[in-house]
Amino acid sequence: MKSIYFVRHGESEWNVANKICGATDVPLTARGHEQAIETGKKILEQGIKADVILYSPLMRAKDTALHISQMTGITAIEEPALLEQNFGKYEGTPRNGTEFQEAKKSFLNRYEGGESMFMMAQRIYNLLDRLKEDDRTVILVAHNGICRVVKSYFEEMTNEEYAAFGVDNCTVTEFIFE
């Protein structure tokens, strides 16, 4: 059995403002940088051995990955497939907005200029299929929406469980290929 690890980026400015980040390039807060450094230390303390860190090209994930890389000595490489879902017209709007909450129920919805949940799932599932065949142990550093798809790859989830699932900033989650 082989593991991969997932780390959600550190706290971003729009996380604090309760705004939908999506594919918008939003920076980490000072706290987000600190969280990323602490996560690197935790990875060392927990004895997690990885060959490479793959990260989303968005700065909040990239900066998180580079902090972890500096703390652990694990090489970090950008992976375009890890880009967060593009929520189109909803980016920058409140996460708990009524219209957005309703639009999220349709997995085929492209959010007027964005990307559907199915489109994102396809690219993440394709990446995971490749990683399953790869000999390396990988740490993925990306976004909450990406973690939701990763979890659905490894575990059965209802639509409600999928929609409700989330991880805190800089949480390290292990997934095991069977």
C-alpha atoms as a PDB file:
ATOM      1  CA  MET A   1       0.000   0.000   0.000  1.00  0.00           C
ATOM      2  CA  LYS A   2       1.211   3.448  -0.900  1.00  0.00           C
ATOM      3  CA  SER A   3       0.303   6.776   0.657  1.00  0.00           C
ATOM      4  CA  ILE A   4      -0.003  10.283  -0.649  1.00  0.00           C
ATOM      5  CA  TYR A   5      -0.386  13.287   1.604  1.00  0.00           C
ATOM      6  CA  PHE A   6      -2.527  16.349   1.068  1.00  0.00           C
ATOM      7  CA  VAL A   7      -1.903  19.769   2.627  1.00  0.00           C
ATOM      8  CA  ARG A   8      -4.332  22.625   2.205  1.00  0.00           C
ATOM      9  CA  HIS A   9      -2.582  25.980   1.784  1.00  0.00           C
ATOM     10  CA  GLY A  10      -2.172  28.353   4.707  1.00  0.00           C
ATOM     11  CA  GLU A  11      -4.713  31.014   5.582  1.00  0.00           C
ATOM     12  CA  SER A  12      -5.272  33.455   2.703  1.00  0.00           C
ATOM     13  CA  GLU A  13      -6.511  37.028   2.761  1.00  0.00           C
ATOM     14  CA  TRP A  14      -9.833  35.967   1.259  1.00  0.00           C
ATOM     15  CA  ASN A  15     -10.225  33.091   3.734  1.00  0.00           C
ATOM     16  CA  VAL A  16     -10.226  35.759   6.450  1.00  0.00           C
ATOM     17  CA  ALA A  17     -12.678  37.902   4.474  1.00  0.00           C
ATOM     18  CA  ASN A  18     -14.999  34.877   3.900  1.00  0.00           C
ATOM     19  CA  LYS A  19     -14.712  35.266   0.123  1.00  0.00           C
ATOM     20  CA  ILE A  20     -14.621  32.542  -2.516  1.00  0.00           C
ATOM     21  CA  CYS A  21     -11.040  32.359  -3.780  1.00  0.00           C
ATOM     22  CA  GLY A  22     -11.316  29.710  -6.487  1.00  0.00           C
ATOM     23  CA  ALA A  23      -8.782  30.312  -9.272  1.00  0.00           C
ATOM     24  CA  THR A  24      -8.187  33.927  -8.191  1.00  0.00           C
ATOM     25  CA  ASP A  25      -4.575  34.349  -7.071  1.00  0.00           C
ATOM     26  CA  VAL A  26      -4.910  35.512  -3.468  1.00  0.00           C
ATOM     27  CA  PRO A  27      -1.879  35.785  -1.132  1.00  0.00           C
ATOM     28  CA  LEU A  28      -1.359  34.199   2.251  1.00  0.00           C
ATOM     29  CA  THR A  29      -1.763  36.241   5.402  1.00  0.00           C
ATOM     30  CA  ALA A  30       1.157  36.500   7.846  1.00  0.00           C
ATOM     31  CA  ARG A  31      -0.608  33.777   9.823  1.00  0.00           C
ATOM     32  CA  GLY A  32      -0.786  31.641   6.659  1.00  0.00           C
ATOM     33  CA  HIS A  33       2.987  31.861   6.245  1.00  0.00           C
ATOM     34  CA  GLU A  34       3.447  30.854   9.896  1.00  0.00           C
ATOM     35  CA  GLN A  35       1.045  27.926   9.469  1.00  0.00           C
ATOM     36  CA  ALA A  36       3.038  26.684   6.467  1.00  0.00           C
ATOM     37  CA  ILE A  37       6.333  26.806   8.382  1.00  0.00           C
ATOM     38  CA  GLU A  38       4.735  24.952  11.311  1.00  0.00           C
ATOM     39  CA  THR A  39       3.362  22.345   8.904  1.00  0.00           C
ATOM     40  CA  GLY A  40       6.863  21.714   7.579  1.00  0.00           C
ATOM     41  CA  LYS A  41       8.026  21.171  11.155  1.00  0.00           C
ATOM     42  CA  LYS A  42       5.101  18.786  11.821  1.00  0.00           C
ATOM     43  CA  ILE A  43       5.931  16.754   8.719  1.00  0.00           C
ATOM     44  CA  LEU A  44       9.469  16.309  10.057  1.00  0.00           C
ATOM     45  CA  GLU A  45       8.274  15.511  13.589  1.00  0.00           C
ATOM     46  CA  GLN A  46       5.771  12.939  12.317  1.00  0.00           C
ATOM     47  CA  GLY A  47       8.460  11.262  10.242  1.00  0.00           C
ATOM     48  CA  ILE A  48       6.565  11.643   6.979  1.00  0.00           C
ATOM     49  CA  LYS A  49       8.939  10.625   4.202  1.00  0.00           C
ATOM     50  CA  ALA A  50       8.105  12.018   0.778  1.00  0.00           C
ATOM     51  CA  ASP A  51      10.027  12.205  -2.458  1.00  0.00           C
ATOM     52  CA  VAL A  52       8.419  15.326  -3.869  1.00  0.00           C
ATOM     53  CA  ILE A  53       5.908  18.080  -3.138  1.00  0.00           C
ATOM     54  CA  LEU A  54       3.535  18.919  -5.989  1.00  0.00           C
ATOM     55  CA  TYR A  55       1.735  22.240  -5.628  1.00  0.00           C
ATOM     56  CA  SER A  56      -0.954  24.332  -7.269  1.00  0.00           C
ATOM     57  CA  PRO A  57       0.351  27.293  -9.286  1.00  0.00           C
ATOM     58  CA  LEU A  58      -1.691  29.756  -7.188  1.00  0.00           C
ATOM     59  CA  MET A  59       0.529  31.786  -4.845  1.00  0.00           C
ATOM     60  CA  ARG A  60      -1.247  30.728  -1.652  1.00  0.00           C
ATOM     61  CA  ALA A  61      -0.427  27.065  -2.378  1.00  0.00           C
ATOM     62  CA  LYS A  62       2.978  27.782  -3.916  1.00  0.00           C
ATOM     63  CA  ASP A  63       4.139  29.820  -0.915  1.00  0.00           C
ATOM     64  CA  THR A  64       2.855  27.108   1.443  1.00  0.00           C
ATOM     65  CA  ALA A  65       4.694  24.412  -0.514  1.00  0.00           C
ATOM     66  CA  LEU A  66       7.934  26.407  -0.639  1.00  0.00           C
ATOM     67  CA  HIS A  67       7.852  26.945   3.140  1.00  0.00           C
ATOM     68  CA  ILE A  68       7.308  23.202   3.650  1.00  0.00           C
ATOM     69  CA  SER A  69      10.100  22.443   1.179  1.00  0.00           C
ATOM     70  CA  GLN A  70      12.488  24.770   3.023  1.00  0.00           C
ATOM     71  CA  MET A  71      11.669  23.139   6.352  1.00  0.00           C
ATOM     72  CA  THR A  72      11.858  19.529   5.122  1.00  0.00           C
ATOM     73  CA  GLY A  73      14.340  19.591   2.246  1.00  0.00           C
ATOM     74  CA  ILE A  74      11.760  17.935  -0.040  1.00  0.00           C
ATOM     75  CA  THR A  75      11.840  19.263  -3.607  1.00  0.00           C
ATOM     76  CA  ALA A  76       8.723  21.232  -4.595  1.00  0.00           C
ATOM     77  CA  ILE A  77       7.405  21.241  -8.176  1.00  0.00           C
ATOM     78  CA  GLU A  78       4.455  23.138  -9.630  1.00  0.00           C
ATOM     79  CA  GLU A  79       1.603  20.899 -10.852  1.00  0.00           C
ATOM     80  CA  PRO A  80      -0.966  22.763 -13.003  1.00  0.00           C
ATOM     81  CA  ALA A  81      -3.637  20.081 -12.454  1.00  0.00           C
ATOM     82  CA  LEU A  82      -3.843  21.154  -8.783  1.00  0.00           C
ATOM     83  CA  LEU A  83      -5.276  24.587  -9.637  1.00  0.00           C
ATOM     84  CA  GLU A  84      -8.407  25.262  -7.591  1.00  0.00           C
ATOM     85  CA  GLN A  85     -11.785  25.155  -9.325  1.00  0.00           C
ATOM     86  CA  ASN A  86     -12.663  28.328 -11.205  1.00  0.00           C
ATOM     87  CA  PHE A  87     -15.940  29.575  -9.730  1.00  0.00           C
ATOM     88  CA  GLY A  88     -16.443  32.191 -12.441  1.00  0.00           C
ATOM     89  CA  LYS A  89     -18.746  35.020 -11.449  1.00  0.00           C
ATOM     90  CA  TYR A  90     -18.768  33.890  -7.796  1.00  0.00           C
ATOM     91  CA  GLU A  91     -15.067  34.475  -7.125  1.00  0.00           C
ATOM     92  CA  GLY A  92     -14.639  37.252  -4.586  1.00  0.00           C
ATOM     93  CA  THR A  93     -18.231  36.893  -3.345  1.00  0.00           C
ATOM     94  CA  PRO A  94     -19.226  35.632   0.130  1.00  0.00           C
ATOM     95  CA  ARG A  95     -18.655  31.878   0.618  1.00  0.00           C
ATOM     96  CA  ASN A  96     -22.059  31.547   2.260  1.00  0.00           C
ATOM     97  CA  GLY A  97     -23.956  33.548  -0.397  1.00  0.00           C
ATOM     98  CA  THR A  98     -27.396  32.096  -1.084  1.00  0.00           C
ATOM     99  CA  GLU A  99     -27.039  32.147  -4.884  1.00  0.00           C
ATOM    100  CA  PHE A 100     -23.633  30.416  -4.748  1.00  0.00           C
ATOM    101  CA  GLN A 101     -24.866  27.777  -2.295  1.00  0.00           C
ATOM    102  CA  GLU A 102     -27.696  26.948  -4.681  1.00  0.00           C
ATOM    103  CA  ALA A 103     -25.405  26.910  -7.757  1.00  0.00           C
ATOM    104  CA  LYS A 104     -23.013  24.483  -6.005  1.00  0.00           C
ATOM    105  CA  LYS A 105     -25.701  21.802  -5.947  1.00  0.00           C
ATOM    106  CA  SER A 106     -25.325  21.315  -9.703  1.00  0.00           C
ATOM    107  CA  PHE A 107     -22.034  19.533 -10.370  1.00  0.00           C
ATOM    108  CA  LEU A 108     -22.306  20.357 -14.081  1.00  0.00           C
ATOM    109  CA  ASN A 109     -22.619  24.111 -13.437  1.00  0.00           C
ATOM    110  CA  ARG A 110     -19.752  26.139 -14.966  1.00  0.00           C
ATOM    111  CA  TYR A 111     -20.515  29.233 -12.854  1.00  0.00           C
ATOM    112  CA  GLU A 112     -20.686  31.623 -15.843  1.00  0.00           C
ATOM    113  CA  GLY A 113     -17.088  31.714 -16.991  1.00  0.00           C
ATOM    114  CA  GLY A 114     -15.844  29.099 -14.569  1.00  0.00           C
ATOM    115  CA  GLU A 115     -15.345  25.366 -14.414  1.00  0.00           C
ATOM    116  CA  SER A 116     -17.766  22.622 -13.435  1.00  0.00           C
ATOM    117  CA  MET A 117     -17.125  20.247 -10.556  1.00  0.00           C
ATOM    118  CA  PHE A 118     -16.955  17.391 -13.082  1.00  0.00           C
ATOM    119  CA  MET A 119     -14.267  19.186 -15.109  1.00  0.00           C
ATOM    120  CA  MET A 120     -12.159  19.676 -11.995  1.00  0.00           C
ATOM    121  CA  ALA A 121     -12.732  16.093 -10.830  1.00  0.00           C
ATOM    122  CA  GLN A 122     -11.559  14.745 -14.184  1.00  0.00           C
ATOM    123  CA  ARG A 123      -8.207  16.518 -13.991  1.00  0.00           C
ATOM    124  CA  ILE A 124      -7.680  15.529 -10.342  1.00  0.00           C
ATOM    125  CA  TYR A 125      -8.689  11.899 -10.911  1.00  0.00           C
ATOM    126  CA  ASN A 126      -6.323  11.774 -13.923  1.00  0.00           C
ATOM    127  CA  LEU A 127      -3.495  13.096 -11.730  1.00  0.00           C
ATOM    128  CA  LEU A 128      -4.267  10.578  -8.979  1.00  0.00           C
ATOM    129  CA  ASP A 129      -4.334   7.737 -11.510  1.00  0.00           C
ATOM    130  CA  ARG A 130      -0.827   8.775 -12.619  1.00  0.00           C
ATOM    131  CA  LEU A 131       0.408   9.091  -9.019  1.00  0.00           C
ATOM    132  CA  LYS A 132      -0.954   5.642  -8.172  1.00  0.00           C
ATOM    133  CA  GLU A 133       1.415   4.167 -10.770  1.00  0.00           C
ATOM    134  CA  ASP A 134       4.323   6.396  -9.679  1.00  0.00           C
ATOM    135  CA  ASP A 135       6.920   4.947  -7.299  1.00  0.00           C
ATOM    136  CA  ARG A 136       7.315   8.228  -5.435  1.00  0.00           C
ATOM    137  CA  THR A 137       5.599   9.255  -2.212  1.00  0.00           C
ATOM    138  CA  VAL A 138       4.040  12.638  -2.888  1.00  0.00           C
ATOM    139  CA  ILE A 139       2.752  15.551  -0.825  1.00  0.00           C
ATOM    140  CA  LEU A 140       0.094  17.556  -2.670  1.00  0.00           C
ATOM    141  CA  VAL A 141      -0.284  21.192  -1.623  1.00  0.00           C
ATOM    142  CA  ALA A 142      -3.452  22.717  -2.958  1.00  0.00           C
ATOM    143  CA  HIS A 143      -6.928  23.882  -2.027  1.00  0.00           C
ATOM    144  CA  ASN A 144     -10.012  22.817  -0.103  1.00  0.00           C
ATOM    145  CA  GLY A 145     -11.954  22.030  -3.279  1.00  0.00           C
ATOM    146  CA  ILE A 146      -9.102  19.860  -4.531  1.00  0.00           C
ATOM    147  CA  CYS A 147      -8.961  17.981  -1.212  1.00  0.00           C
ATOM    148  CA  ARG A 148     -12.689  17.299  -1.498  1.00  0.00           C
ATOM    149  CA  VAL A 149     -12.140  15.672  -4.911  1.00  0.00           C
ATOM    150  CA  VAL A 150      -9.107  13.732  -3.640  1.00  0.00           C
ATOM    151  CA  LYS A 151     -11.179  12.354  -0.761  1.00  0.00           C
ATOM    152  CA  SER A 152     -13.943  11.326  -3.178  1.00  0.00           C
ATOM    153  CA  TYR A 153     -11.346   9.391  -5.204  1.00  0.00           C
ATOM    154  CA  PHE A 154     -10.446   7.303  -2.151  1.00  0.00           C
ATOM    155  CA  GLU A 155     -13.805   7.039  -0.355  1.00  0.00           C
ATOM    156  CA  GLU A 156     -17.490   6.760  -1.219  1.00  0.00           C
ATOM    157  CA  MET A 157     -19.299  10.012  -0.458  1.00  0.00           C
ATOM    158  CA  THR A 158     -22.872  11.176  -0.849  1.00  0.00           C
ATOM    159  CA  ASN A 159     -23.470  14.517  -2.554  1.00  0.00           C
ATOM    160  CA  GLU A 160     -24.221  16.023   0.856  1.00  0.00           C
ATOM    161  CA  GLU A 161     -21.019  14.625   2.391  1.00  0.00           C
ATOM    162  CA  TYR A 162     -19.030  15.875  -0.582  1.00  0.00           C
ATOM    163  CA  ALA A 163     -20.500  19.374  -0.361  1.00  0.00           C
ATOM    164  CA  ALA A 164     -19.945  19.565   3.411  1.00  0.00           C
ATOM    165  CA  PHE A 165     -16.394  18.172   3.450  1.00  0.00           C
ATOM    166  CA  GLY A 166     -13.539  20.549   4.153  1.00  0.00           C
ATOM    167  CA  VAL A 167     -10.159  20.694   5.820  1.00  0.00           C
ATOM    168  CA  ASP A 168      -8.563  23.467   7.834  1.00  0.00           C
ATOM    169  CA  ASN A 169      -5.654  25.464   6.491  1.00  0.00           C
ATOM    170  CA  CYS A 170      -2.350  23.552   6.599  1.00  0.00           C
ATOM    171  CA  THR A 171      -3.939  20.297   7.724  1.00  0.00           C
ATOM    172  CA  VAL A 172      -1.961  17.217   6.616  1.00  0.00           C
ATOM    173  CA  THR A 173      -4.229  14.392   5.433  1.00  0.00           C
ATOM    174  CA  GLU A 174      -2.993  10.955   4.421  1.00  0.00           C
ATOM    175  CA  PHE A 175      -4.694   8.946   1.673  1.00  0.00           C
ATOM    176  CA  ILE A 176      -3.769   5.333   0.937  1.00  0.00           C
ATOM    177  CA  PHE A 177      -3.880   3.677  -2.482  1.00  0.00           C
ATOM    178  CA  GLU A 178      -5.152   0.118  -2.063  1.00  0.00           C
END
